[in-house]
Amino acid sequence: MLVIGIESSAHTFGVGIVSDSKILANEKEMYPIKDKGMIPSKVAMFHIKNFSKVIKRALEKANIKIRDIDGISYTMGPGMGPSLQVGELVAKTLAKELKVPIVPVNHAMGHIEIAKHFGNLNDPIALYVSGGNSQIIKKFENRYRVIGETLDIGIGNLFDNFAREAKLVPAWGSTVAKLAEKGKFIEMPYTVKGMDFAFTGLLTYSKKLIGKVPLEDICFSLQETAFSMVCEATERALLLTNTKELCVCGGVAQSKRLKEMLSKIAKENNIKFGYAPDEYNADNGAMIAYVGEKLLKCGISKNVEECSIKQRYRIEDAIIC
């Protein structure tokens, strides 16, 4: 089965093509954030201008024709409404034109399943960390459940927000991480409640330090404190559920430092730890195609007229097979 997956939940318009769980293509175009962040209407226009060439590149990479496609999957949510709508419209148009089944996919599930695939994991606890989401997720019977999460903003949002305040270019987490390599630790607010955590106090404190102490020290301390918080909550979740597998996924999972900290936790507790290559931790179409193929093979699909988007699509509401 050849399935094309379309990802458009935020700044990335991604197109992936999968056949029998093998990734044949994973192409994307990403909205240039620079120092202004994401303006939803402008991001949507960017996707509209770029979707055609991304699809073309994916088909060329997979060495197939559009008529060879057997199924369509797209990101239903969570995400930014205007961006999600572009992906939905493209997917529905393709499904109608090609007369093939279509299935909506939960964005978080895409990240988790592709991490399990590359990490050769069966039933892990997943630390899902991205711009808008920070959750600890575990599968129970036939549903994924959130057993810990941010009480305010996502960890990626924390870094991006600070980067904009500090006038870093580009204003996102990787720039903070680069500066952090030269920094020294400053004690900062630390908020963990069981398996939940909160970042706004940490963000406010960090912003107030701008101009008063070296920026490298703020970046280092901000990153170390935030990562320590999610690692503490994740370790607690592993021990309370007696889970022997762990994966990290989402855009922030590209951080070498976070993976280093989680790897240490896994080693100390005799837990198998895995993750996807960075290409598949960043938002991408391949993860949507991968989950879409699994769902379609289980007979799960929707009529085109039933397809929609859901900006606050919780993973607990997503069907798995």
C-alpha atoms as a PDB file:
ATOM      1  CA  MET A   1       0.000   0.000   0.000  1.00  0.00           C
ATOM      2  CA  LEU A   2       1.315   3.442  -0.991  1.00  0.00           C
ATOM      3  CA  VAL A   3       0.176   6.188   1.379  1.00  0.00           C
ATOM      4  CA  ILE A   4       0.911   9.891   1.154  1.00  0.00           C
ATOM      5  CA  GLY A   5       0.847  11.896   4.383  1.00  0.00           C
ATOM      6  CA  ILE A   6       0.410  15.646   4.691  1.00  0.00           C
ATOM      7  CA  GLU A   7       1.595  17.591   7.736  1.00  0.00           C
ATOM      8  CA  SER A   8       0.651  21.253   8.163  1.00  0.00           C
ATOM      9  CA  SER A   9      -0.002  21.802  11.871  1.00  0.00           C
ATOM     10  CA  ALA A  10       2.394  24.752  12.241  1.00  0.00           C
ATOM     11  CA  HIS A  11       5.326  26.249  10.325  1.00  0.00           C
ATOM     12  CA  THR A  12       6.094  23.154   8.242  1.00  0.00           C
ATOM     13  CA  PHE A  13       4.309  21.875   5.174  1.00  0.00           C
ATOM     14  CA  GLY A  14       5.521  18.303   4.948  1.00  0.00           C
ATOM     15  CA  VAL A  15       4.737  15.475   2.553  1.00  0.00           C
ATOM     16  CA  GLY A  16       5.747  11.892   3.244  1.00  0.00           C
ATOM     17  CA  ILE A  17       5.214   8.716   1.252  1.00  0.00           C
ATOM     18  CA  VAL A  18       5.232   5.291   2.901  1.00  0.00           C
ATOM     19  CA  SER A  19       4.845   1.744   1.582  1.00  0.00           C
ATOM     20  CA  ASP A  20       4.598  -1.210   3.972  1.00  0.00           C
ATOM     21  CA  SER A  21       6.103   0.892   6.779  1.00  0.00           C
ATOM     22  CA  LYS A  22       9.072   1.870   4.605  1.00  0.00           C
ATOM     23  CA  ILE A  23       9.604   5.605   4.174  1.00  0.00           C
ATOM     24  CA  LEU A  24      10.063   6.394   0.489  1.00  0.00           C
ATOM     25  CA  ALA A  25      10.015  10.187   0.726  1.00  0.00           C
ATOM     26  CA  ASN A  26       9.949  12.927   3.337  1.00  0.00           C
ATOM     27  CA  GLU A  27       9.940  16.398   1.819  1.00  0.00           C
ATOM     28  CA  LYS A  28       9.104  19.744   3.423  1.00  0.00           C
ATOM     29  CA  GLU A  29       9.151  23.520   3.253  1.00  0.00           C
ATOM     30  CA  MET A  30       9.295  25.538   6.464  1.00  0.00           C
ATOM     31  CA  TYR A  31       7.994  29.048   7.065  1.00  0.00           C
ATOM     32  CA  PRO A  32      10.942  31.370   7.891  1.00  0.00           C
ATOM     33  CA  ILE A  33      10.391  32.328  11.534  1.00  0.00           C
ATOM     34  CA  LYS A  34      13.365  34.751  11.876  1.00  0.00           C
ATOM     35  CA  ASP A  35      12.670  37.018  14.888  1.00  0.00           C
ATOM     36  CA  LYS A  36       8.899  37.540  14.566  1.00  0.00           C
ATOM     37  CA  GLY A  37       7.490  34.134  15.445  1.00  0.00           C
ATOM     38  CA  MET A  38       4.560  32.655  13.558  1.00  0.00           C
ATOM     39  CA  ILE A  39       1.658  34.749  12.273  1.00  0.00           C
ATOM     40  CA  PRO A  40      -1.063  32.159  11.472  1.00  0.00           C
ATOM     41  CA  SER A  41      -2.436  33.851   8.359  1.00  0.00           C
ATOM     42  CA  LYS A  42       1.041  34.317   6.871  1.00  0.00           C
ATOM     43  CA  VAL A  43       2.005  30.723   7.648  1.00  0.00           C
ATOM     44  CA  ALA A  44      -1.148  29.499   5.898  1.00  0.00           C
ATOM     45  CA  MET A  45      -0.345  31.602   2.829  1.00  0.00           C
ATOM     46  CA  PHE A  46       3.166  30.151   2.832  1.00  0.00           C
ATOM     47  CA  HIS A  47       1.695  26.631   2.792  1.00  0.00           C
ATOM     48  CA  ILE A  48      -0.673  27.534  -0.038  1.00  0.00           C
ATOM     49  CA  LYS A  49       2.256  28.812  -2.128  1.00  0.00           C
ATOM     50  CA  ASN A  50       4.455  25.796  -1.443  1.00  0.00           C
ATOM     51  CA  PHE A  51       2.269  22.662  -1.160  1.00  0.00           C
ATOM     52  CA  SER A  52       2.370  21.821  -4.872  1.00  0.00           C
ATOM     53  CA  LYS A  53       6.154  21.792  -5.184  1.00  0.00           C
ATOM     54  CA  VAL A  54       6.558  19.780  -1.958  1.00  0.00           C
ATOM     55  CA  ILE A  55       4.173  17.113  -3.258  1.00  0.00           C
ATOM     56  CA  LYS A  56       6.036  17.065  -6.570  1.00  0.00           C
ATOM     57  CA  ARG A  57       9.390  16.616  -4.827  1.00  0.00           C
ATOM     58  CA  ALA A  58       8.017  13.786  -2.683  1.00  0.00           C
ATOM     59  CA  LEU A  59       6.654  11.926  -5.700  1.00  0.00           C
ATOM     60  CA  GLU A  60       9.966  12.321  -7.515  1.00  0.00           C
ATOM     61  CA  LYS A  61      11.915  11.113  -4.477  1.00  0.00           C
ATOM     62  CA  ALA A  62       9.661   8.051  -4.142  1.00  0.00           C
ATOM     63  CA  ASN A  63       9.885   7.519  -7.918  1.00  0.00           C
ATOM     64  CA  ILE A  64       6.129   7.141  -8.292  1.00  0.00           C
ATOM     65  CA  LYS A  65       3.231   8.915 -10.011  1.00  0.00           C
ATOM     66  CA  ILE A  66       0.384  10.545  -8.123  1.00  0.00           C
ATOM     67  CA  ARG A  67      -1.994   7.924  -9.596  1.00  0.00           C
ATOM     68  CA  ASP A  68      -0.023   5.181  -7.830  1.00  0.00           C
ATOM     69  CA  ILE A  69      -1.184   6.425  -4.412  1.00  0.00           C
ATOM     70  CA  ASP A  70      -3.541   4.044  -2.561  1.00  0.00           C
ATOM     71  CA  GLY A  71      -4.449   6.260   0.402  1.00  0.00           C
ATOM     72  CA  ILE A  72      -4.205   9.746   1.884  1.00  0.00           C
ATOM     73  CA  SER A  73      -3.567  10.822   5.478  1.00  0.00           C
ATOM     74  CA  TYR A  74      -3.331  14.318   6.908  1.00  0.00           C
ATOM     75  CA  THR A  75      -2.836  16.042  10.244  1.00  0.00           C
ATOM     76  CA  MET A  76      -6.223  16.736  11.800  1.00  0.00           C
ATOM     77  CA  GLY A  77      -4.718  18.448  14.860  1.00  0.00           C
ATOM     78  CA  PRO A  78      -3.644  19.737  17.254  1.00  0.00           C
ATOM     79  CA  GLY A  79      -2.179  22.799  15.633  1.00  0.00           C
ATOM     80  CA  MET A  80      -2.832  26.247  14.186  1.00  0.00           C
ATOM     81  CA  GLY A  81      -6.232  26.469  12.519  1.00  0.00           C
ATOM     82  CA  PRO A  82      -5.280  28.216   9.252  1.00  0.00           C
ATOM     83  CA  SER A  83      -2.298  25.912   8.705  1.00  0.00           C
ATOM     84  CA  LEU A  84      -4.305  22.778   9.446  1.00  0.00           C
ATOM     85  CA  GLN A  85      -6.991  23.888   7.008  1.00  0.00           C
ATOM     86  CA  VAL A  86      -4.520  24.083   4.137  1.00  0.00           C
ATOM     87  CA  GLY A  87      -3.371  20.505   4.704  1.00  0.00           C
ATOM     88  CA  GLU A  88      -6.939  19.290   5.102  1.00  0.00           C
ATOM     89  CA  LEU A  89      -8.030  20.917   1.842  1.00  0.00           C
ATOM     90  CA  VAL A  90      -5.067  19.511  -0.087  1.00  0.00           C
ATOM     91  CA  ALA A  91      -5.686  16.015   1.311  1.00  0.00           C
ATOM     92  CA  LYS A  92      -9.408  16.088   0.579  1.00  0.00           C
ATOM     93  CA  THR A  93      -8.808  17.353  -2.954  1.00  0.00           C
ATOM     94  CA  LEU A  94      -6.344  14.541  -3.629  1.00  0.00           C
ATOM     95  CA  ALA A  95      -8.664  11.913  -2.149  1.00  0.00           C
ATOM     96  CA  LYS A  96     -11.538  13.078  -4.332  1.00  0.00           C
ATOM     97  CA  GLU A  97      -9.423  13.291  -7.478  1.00  0.00           C
ATOM     98  CA  LEU A  98      -7.726   9.916  -6.955  1.00  0.00           C
ATOM     99  CA  LYS A  99     -10.820   8.204  -5.488  1.00  0.00           C
ATOM    100  CA  VAL A 100      -8.789   6.706  -2.629  1.00  0.00           C
ATOM    101  CA  PRO A 101      -9.531   6.428   1.114  1.00  0.00           C
ATOM    102  CA  ILE A 102      -8.554   9.250   3.452  1.00  0.00           C
ATOM    103  CA  VAL A 103      -7.799   9.181   7.169  1.00  0.00           C
ATOM    104  CA  PRO A 104      -7.131  12.041   9.614  1.00  0.00           C
ATOM    105  CA  VAL A 105      -4.157  11.591  11.977  1.00  0.00           C
ATOM    106  CA  ASN A 106      -3.413  12.960  15.427  1.00  0.00           C
ATOM    107  CA  HIS A 107      -0.170  14.954  15.290  1.00  0.00           C
ATOM    108  CA  ALA A 108       1.151  13.671  18.628  1.00  0.00           C
ATOM    109  CA  MET A 109       0.501  10.074  17.601  1.00  0.00           C
ATOM    110  CA  GLY A 110       2.558  10.675  14.479  1.00  0.00           C
ATOM    111  CA  HIS A 111       5.522  11.764  16.573  1.00  0.00           C
ATOM    112  CA  ILE A 112       5.207   8.825  18.982  1.00  0.00           C
ATOM    113  CA  GLU A 113       4.721   6.111  16.374  1.00  0.00           C
ATOM    114  CA  ILE A 114       7.652   7.228  14.231  1.00  0.00           C
ATOM    115  CA  ALA A 115       9.884   7.326  17.336  1.00  0.00           C
ATOM    116  CA  LYS A 116       8.765   3.798  18.248  1.00  0.00           C
ATOM    117  CA  HIS A 117       9.494   2.688  14.688  1.00  0.00           C
ATOM    118  CA  PHE A 118      13.048   4.005  14.593  1.00  0.00           C
ATOM    119  CA  GLY A 119      13.766   3.126  18.211  1.00  0.00           C
ATOM    120  CA  ASN A 120      12.502  -0.439  17.771  1.00  0.00           C
ATOM    121  CA  LEU A 121      10.184   0.016  20.756  1.00  0.00           C
ATOM    122  CA  ASN A 122       6.940  -1.764  21.518  1.00  0.00           C
ATOM    123  CA  ASP A 123       5.250  -0.119  24.501  1.00  0.00           C
ATOM    124  CA  PRO A 124       7.227   2.876  25.771  1.00  0.00           C
ATOM    125  CA  ILE A 125       6.407   5.887  27.823  1.00  0.00           C
ATOM    126  CA  ALA A 126       6.744   8.785  25.402  1.00  0.00           C
ATOM    127  CA  LEU A 127       8.031  12.201  26.360  1.00  0.00           C
ATOM    128  CA  TYR A 128       6.486  14.394  23.679  1.00  0.00           C
ATOM    129  CA  VAL A 129       8.104  17.828  23.625  1.00  0.00           C
ATOM    130  CA  SER A 130       7.441  20.467  20.988  1.00  0.00           C
ATOM    131  CA  GLY A 131       6.531  24.114  20.553  1.00  0.00           C
ATOM    132  CA  GLY A 132       2.917  23.828  21.607  1.00  0.00           C
ATOM    133  CA  ASN A 133       2.915  20.528  23.470  1.00  0.00           C
ATOM    134  CA  SER A 134       4.795  18.945  26.370  1.00  0.00           C
ATOM    135  CA  GLN A 135       3.292  15.675  27.554  1.00  0.00           C
ATOM    136  CA  ILE A 136       4.179  12.319  29.068  1.00  0.00           C
ATOM    137  CA  ILE A 137       2.114   9.697  27.243  1.00  0.00           C
ATOM    138  CA  LYS A 138       1.511   5.984  27.750  1.00  0.00           C
ATOM    139  CA  LYS A 139      -0.673   3.484  25.912  1.00  0.00           C
ATOM    140  CA  PHE A 140      -3.246   1.683  28.049  1.00  0.00           C
ATOM    141  CA  GLU A 141      -5.238  -1.014  26.246  1.00  0.00           C
ATOM    142  CA  ASN A 142      -6.491   0.598  23.027  1.00  0.00           C
ATOM    143  CA  ARG A 143      -5.851   4.273  23.784  1.00  0.00           C
ATOM    144  CA  TYR A 144      -2.970   6.603  24.439  1.00  0.00           C
ATOM    145  CA  ARG A 145      -3.306   8.460  27.746  1.00  0.00           C
ATOM    146  CA  VAL A 146      -1.615  11.637  28.926  1.00  0.00           C
ATOM    147  CA  ILE A 147      -0.260  10.907  32.402  1.00  0.00           C
ATOM    148  CA  GLY A 148       1.697  14.130  32.791  1.00  0.00           C
ATOM    149  CA  GLU A 149       1.851  17.435  30.960  1.00  0.00           C
ATOM    150  CA  THR A 150       2.591  21.131  31.058  1.00  0.00           C
ATOM    151  CA  LEU A 151       0.176  23.184  33.119  1.00  0.00           C
ATOM    152  CA  ASP A 152       0.755  26.276  31.001  1.00  0.00           C
ATOM    153  CA  ILE A 153       2.968  26.480  27.874  1.00  0.00           C
ATOM    154  CA  GLY A 154       4.934  23.956  25.850  1.00  0.00           C
ATOM    155  CA  ILE A 155       8.687  23.705  26.403  1.00  0.00           C
ATOM    156  CA  GLY A 156       9.378  24.735  22.817  1.00  0.00           C
ATOM    157  CA  ASN A 157       7.213  27.811  23.331  1.00  0.00           C
ATOM    158  CA  LEU A 158       9.297  28.571  26.422  1.00  0.00           C
ATOM    159  CA  PHE A 159      12.529  28.637  24.413  1.00  0.00           C
ATOM    160  CA  ASP A 160      11.031  30.441  21.411  1.00  0.00           C
ATOM    161  CA  ASN A 161       9.401  33.110  23.585  1.00  0.00           C
ATOM    162  CA  PHE A 162      12.652  33.758  25.416  1.00  0.00           C
ATOM    163  CA  ALA A 163      14.565  33.867  22.128  1.00  0.00           C
ATOM    164  CA  ARG A 164      12.234  36.570  20.781  1.00  0.00           C
ATOM    165  CA  GLU A 165      12.567  38.592  23.990  1.00  0.00           C
ATOM    166  CA  ALA A 166      16.360  38.306  23.802  1.00  0.00           C
ATOM    167  CA  LYS A 167      16.220  39.323  20.106  1.00  0.00           C
ATOM    168  CA  LEU A 168      17.948  36.155  18.942  1.00  0.00           C
ATOM    169  CA  VAL A 169      17.893  35.306  15.223  1.00  0.00           C
ATOM    170  CA  PRO A 170      16.435  32.903  14.385  1.00  0.00           C
ATOM    171  CA  ALA A 171      14.201  33.172  17.443  1.00  0.00           C
ATOM    172  CA  TRP A 172      13.846  29.540  18.422  1.00  0.00           C
ATOM    173  CA  GLY A 173      15.213  26.821  20.668  1.00  0.00           C
ATOM    174  CA  SER A 174      18.239  25.788  18.616  1.00  0.00           C
ATOM    175  CA  THR A 175      19.662  29.308  18.948  1.00  0.00           C
ATOM    176  CA  VAL A 176      19.190  29.155  22.715  1.00  0.00           C
ATOM    177  CA  ALA A 177      20.904  25.747  22.742  1.00  0.00           C
ATOM    178  CA  LYS A 178      23.900  27.073  20.830  1.00  0.00           C
ATOM    179  CA  LEU A 179      24.423  29.938  23.272  1.00  0.00           C
ATOM    180  CA  ALA A 180      23.916  27.551  26.194  1.00  0.00           C
ATOM    181  CA  GLU A 181      27.072  25.664  25.219  1.00  0.00           C
ATOM    182  CA  LYS A 182      29.158  28.561  26.604  1.00  0.00           C
ATOM    183  CA  GLY A 183      27.084  29.307  29.697  1.00  0.00           C
ATOM    184  CA  LYS A 184      27.273  28.737  33.440  1.00  0.00           C
ATOM    185  CA  PHE A 185      24.445  27.751  35.763  1.00  0.00           C
ATOM    186  CA  ILE A 186      22.237  30.244  37.586  1.00  0.00           C
ATOM    187  CA  GLU A 187      19.528  28.923  39.908  1.00  0.00           C
ATOM    188  CA  MET A 188      16.060  29.460  38.456  1.00  0.00           C
ATOM    189  CA  PRO A 189      12.427  28.660  39.373  1.00  0.00           C
ATOM    190  CA  TYR A 190      11.676  24.938  39.184  1.00  0.00           C
ATOM    191  CA  THR A 191       8.064  23.784  39.038  1.00  0.00           C
ATOM    192  CA  VAL A 192       7.173  20.085  39.024  1.00  0.00           C
ATOM    193  CA  LYS A 193       3.938  18.731  40.513  1.00  0.00           C
ATOM    194  CA  GLY A 194       3.931  14.963  40.382  1.00  0.00           C
ATOM    195  CA  MET A 195       4.166  14.236  36.665  1.00  0.00           C
ATOM    196  CA  ASP A 196       3.068  17.722  35.611  1.00  0.00           C
ATOM    197  CA  PHE A 197       5.257  20.784  35.159  1.00  0.00           C
ATOM    198  CA  ALA A 198       4.945  24.513  34.451  1.00  0.00           C
ATOM    199  CA  PHE A 199       7.213  26.915  32.588  1.00  0.00           C
ATOM    200  CA  THR A 200       5.822  30.458  32.819  1.00  0.00           C
ATOM    201  CA  GLY A 201       7.587  31.257  36.094  1.00  0.00           C
ATOM    202  CA  LEU A 202      10.848  30.114  34.574  1.00  0.00           C
ATOM    203  CA  LEU A 203      10.211  32.203  31.464  1.00  0.00           C
ATOM    204  CA  THR A 204       9.385  35.366  33.417  1.00  0.00           C
ATOM    205  CA  TYR A 205      12.483  34.993  35.595  1.00  0.00           C
ATOM    206  CA  SER A 206      14.712  34.414  32.560  1.00  0.00           C
ATOM    207  CA  LYS A 207      13.372  37.480  30.765  1.00  0.00           C
ATOM    208  CA  LYS A 208      14.100  39.671  33.784  1.00  0.00           C
ATOM    209  CA  LEU A 209      17.749  38.602  33.705  1.00  0.00           C
ATOM    210  CA  ILE A 210      18.314  39.838  30.134  1.00  0.00           C
ATOM    211  CA  GLY A 211      20.910  42.607  30.197  1.00  0.00           C
ATOM    212  CA  LYS A 212      21.865  41.885  33.817  1.00  0.00           C
ATOM    213  CA  VAL A 213      23.902  38.696  33.395  1.00  0.00           C
ATOM    214  CA  PRO A 214      25.608  37.108  30.375  1.00  0.00           C
ATOM    215  CA  LEU A 215      23.070  35.843  27.865  1.00  0.00           C
ATOM    216  CA  GLU A 216      24.965  32.547  27.573  1.00  0.00           C
ATOM    217  CA  ASP A 217      24.417  31.928  31.308  1.00  0.00           C
ATOM    218  CA  ILE A 218      20.682  32.600  31.012  1.00  0.00           C
ATOM    219  CA  CYS A 219      20.360  30.246  28.034  1.00  0.00           C
ATOM    220  CA  PHE A 220      22.328  27.491  29.767  1.00  0.00           C
ATOM    221  CA  SER A 221      20.341  27.796  32.999  1.00  0.00           C
ATOM    222  CA  LEU A 222      16.994  28.062  31.222  1.00  0.00           C
ATOM    223  CA  GLN A 223      17.684  24.927  29.201  1.00  0.00           C
ATOM    224  CA  GLU A 224      19.111  22.898  32.093  1.00  0.00           C
ATOM    225  CA  THR A 225      16.241  23.803  34.411  1.00  0.00           C
ATOM    226  CA  ALA A 226      13.490  23.094  31.873  1.00  0.00           C
ATOM    227  CA  PHE A 227      15.032  19.780  30.826  1.00  0.00           C
ATOM    228  CA  SER A 228      15.557  18.738  34.441  1.00  0.00           C
ATOM    229  CA  MET A 229      11.877  19.359  35.131  1.00  0.00           C
ATOM    230  CA  VAL A 230      10.604  17.157  32.305  1.00  0.00           C
ATOM    231  CA  CYS A 231      13.216  14.495  33.065  1.00  0.00           C
ATOM    232  CA  GLU A 232      12.179  14.320  36.719  1.00  0.00           C
ATOM    233  CA  ALA A 233       8.521  13.936  35.774  1.00  0.00           C
ATOM    234  CA  THR A 234       9.346  11.336  33.117  1.00  0.00           C
ATOM    235  CA  GLU A 235      11.465   9.250  35.469  1.00  0.00           C
ATOM    236  CA  ARG A 236       8.649   9.316  38.022  1.00  0.00           C
ATOM    237  CA  ALA A 237       6.199   8.134  35.341  1.00  0.00           C
ATOM    238  CA  LEU A 238       8.514   5.284  34.331  1.00  0.00           C
ATOM    239  CA  LEU A 239       8.903   4.045  37.886  1.00  0.00           C
ATOM    240  CA  LEU A 240       5.242   4.407  38.853  1.00  0.00           C
ATOM    241  CA  THR A 241       4.061   2.495  35.780  1.00  0.00           C
ATOM    242  CA  ASN A 242       6.965   0.012  35.852  1.00  0.00           C
ATOM    243  CA  THR A 243       7.580   0.697  32.169  1.00  0.00           C
ATOM    244  CA  LYS A 244      10.816  -0.627  30.679  1.00  0.00           C
ATOM    245  CA  GLU A 245      10.878   1.408  27.460  1.00  0.00           C
ATOM    246  CA  LEU A 246      11.204   5.157  26.868  1.00  0.00           C
ATOM    247  CA  CYS A 247      11.144   7.371  23.794  1.00  0.00           C
ATOM    248  CA  VAL A 248      11.413  11.112  23.297  1.00  0.00           C
ATOM    249  CA  CYS A 249       9.754  12.751  20.306  1.00  0.00           C
ATOM    250  CA  GLY A 250       8.698  16.108  18.911  1.00  0.00           C
ATOM    251  CA  GLY A 251      10.689  19.113  17.770  1.00  0.00           C
ATOM    252  CA  VAL A 252      12.522  19.629  21.066  1.00  0.00           C
ATOM    253  CA  ALA A 253      13.647  15.976  20.933  1.00  0.00           C
ATOM    254  CA  GLN A 254      16.283  17.200  18.480  1.00  0.00           C
ATOM    255  CA  SER A 255      18.174  18.534  21.508  1.00  0.00           C
ATOM    256  CA  LYS A 256      21.374  16.557  22.155  1.00  0.00           C
ATOM    257  CA  ARG A 257      21.366  17.678  25.775  1.00  0.00           C
ATOM    258  CA  LEU A 258      17.842  16.437  26.462  1.00  0.00           C
ATOM    259  CA  LYS A 259      18.595  13.053  24.897  1.00  0.00           C
ATOM    260  CA  GLU A 260      21.789  12.857  26.959  1.00  0.00           C
ATOM    261  CA  MET A 261      19.838  13.459  30.186  1.00  0.00           C
ATOM    262  CA  LEU A 262      17.147  10.931  29.303  1.00  0.00           C
ATOM    263  CA  SER A 263      19.745   8.376  28.271  1.00  0.00           C
ATOM    264  CA  LYS A 264      21.311   8.635  31.715  1.00  0.00           C
ATOM    265  CA  ILE A 265      17.946   8.056  33.387  1.00  0.00           C
ATOM    266  CA  ALA A 266      17.329   5.036  31.164  1.00  0.00           C
ATOM    267  CA  LYS A 267      20.745   3.548  31.903  1.00  0.00           C
ATOM    268  CA  GLU A 268      20.371   3.996  35.661  1.00  0.00           C
ATOM    269  CA  ASN A 269      16.976   2.274  35.631  1.00  0.00           C
ATOM    270  CA  ASN A 270      17.749  -0.448  33.059  1.00  0.00           C
ATOM    271  CA  ILE A 271      15.256   0.990  30.574  1.00  0.00           C
ATOM    272  CA  LYS A 272      15.482   0.768  26.774  1.00  0.00           C
ATOM    273  CA  PHE A 273      15.655   4.257  25.286  1.00  0.00           C
ATOM    274  CA  GLY A 274      14.988   5.202  21.672  1.00  0.00           C
ATOM    275  CA  TYR A 275      14.138   8.075  19.383  1.00  0.00           C
ATOM    276  CA  ALA A 276      13.868   8.970  15.707  1.00  0.00           C
ATOM    277  CA  PRO A 277      16.547  10.766  13.676  1.00  0.00           C
ATOM    278  CA  ASP A 278      16.196  14.554  13.875  1.00  0.00           C
ATOM    279  CA  GLU A 279      14.583  14.678  10.429  1.00  0.00           C
ATOM    280  CA  TYR A 280      11.615  12.794  11.884  1.00  0.00           C
ATOM    281  CA  ASN A 281      11.511  14.601  15.244  1.00  0.00           C
ATOM    282  CA  ALA A 282      10.889  17.891  13.494  1.00  0.00           C
ATOM    283  CA  ASP A 283       7.369  18.117  12.055  1.00  0.00           C
ATOM    284  CA  ASN A 284       7.245  15.965   8.932  1.00  0.00           C
ATOM    285  CA  GLY A 285       4.894  14.267   6.508  1.00  0.00           C
ATOM    286  CA  ALA A 286       6.486  10.819   6.825  1.00  0.00           C
ATOM    287  CA  MET A 287       5.173  10.320  10.350  1.00  0.00           C
ATOM    288  CA  ILE A 288       1.655  11.184   9.175  1.00  0.00           C
ATOM    289  CA  ALA A 289       1.935   8.783   6.240  1.00  0.00           C
ATOM    290  CA  TYR A 290       3.320   6.070   8.548  1.00  0.00           C
ATOM    291  CA  VAL A 291       0.381   6.294  10.978  1.00  0.00           C
ATOM    292  CA  GLY A 292      -2.056   6.759   8.101  1.00  0.00           C
ATOM    293  CA  GLU A 293      -0.947   3.492   6.515  1.00  0.00           C
ATOM    294  CA  LYS A 294      -1.381   1.627   9.812  1.00  0.00           C
ATOM    295  CA  LEU A 295      -4.908   3.010  10.251  1.00  0.00           C
ATOM    296  CA  LEU A 296      -5.925   2.332   6.650  1.00  0.00           C
ATOM    297  CA  LYS A 297      -4.669  -1.263   6.895  1.00  0.00           C
ATOM    298  CA  CYS A 298      -6.911  -1.658   9.961  1.00  0.00           C
ATOM    299  CA  GLY A 299      -9.864  -0.498   7.875  1.00  0.00           C
ATOM    300  CA  ILE A 300     -10.059   2.927   9.514  1.00  0.00           C
ATOM    301  CA  SER A 301     -10.923   5.778   7.162  1.00  0.00           C
ATOM    302  CA  LYS A 302     -13.492   8.546   6.689  1.00  0.00           C
ATOM    303  CA  ASN A 303     -15.665   9.882   3.939  1.00  0.00           C
ATOM    304  CA  VAL A 304     -14.184  13.044   2.506  1.00  0.00           C
ATOM    305  CA  GLU A 305     -17.250  14.996   3.631  1.00  0.00           C
ATOM    306  CA  GLU A 306     -16.643  13.889   7.244  1.00  0.00           C
ATOM    307  CA  CYS A 307     -13.042  15.086   7.310  1.00  0.00           C
ATOM    308  CA  SER A 308     -12.262  18.174   9.357  1.00  0.00           C
ATOM    309  CA  ILE A 309      -9.631  19.741  11.570  1.00  0.00           C
ATOM    310  CA  LYS A 310      -9.522  20.004  15.361  1.00  0.00           C
ATOM    311  CA  GLN A 311      -7.105  22.536  16.812  1.00  0.00           C
ATOM    312  CA  ARG A 312      -7.226  20.983  20.291  1.00  0.00           C
ATOM    313  CA  TYR A 313      -7.233  17.351  19.201  1.00  0.00           C
ATOM    314  CA  ARG A 314      -6.156  15.449  22.322  1.00  0.00           C
ATOM    315  CA  ILE A 315      -4.345  12.157  21.774  1.00  0.00           C
ATOM    316  CA  GLU A 316      -6.790  10.437  24.153  1.00  0.00           C
ATOM    317  CA  ASP A 317      -9.473  10.978  21.515  1.00  0.00           C
ATOM    318  CA  ALA A 318      -7.458   9.389  18.723  1.00  0.00           C
ATOM    319  CA  ILE A 319      -8.194   5.878  17.466  1.00  0.00           C
ATOM    320  CA  ILE A 320      -5.254   3.469  17.380  1.00  0.00           C
ATOM    321  CA  CYS A 321      -4.866  -0.050  16.008  1.00  0.00           C
END
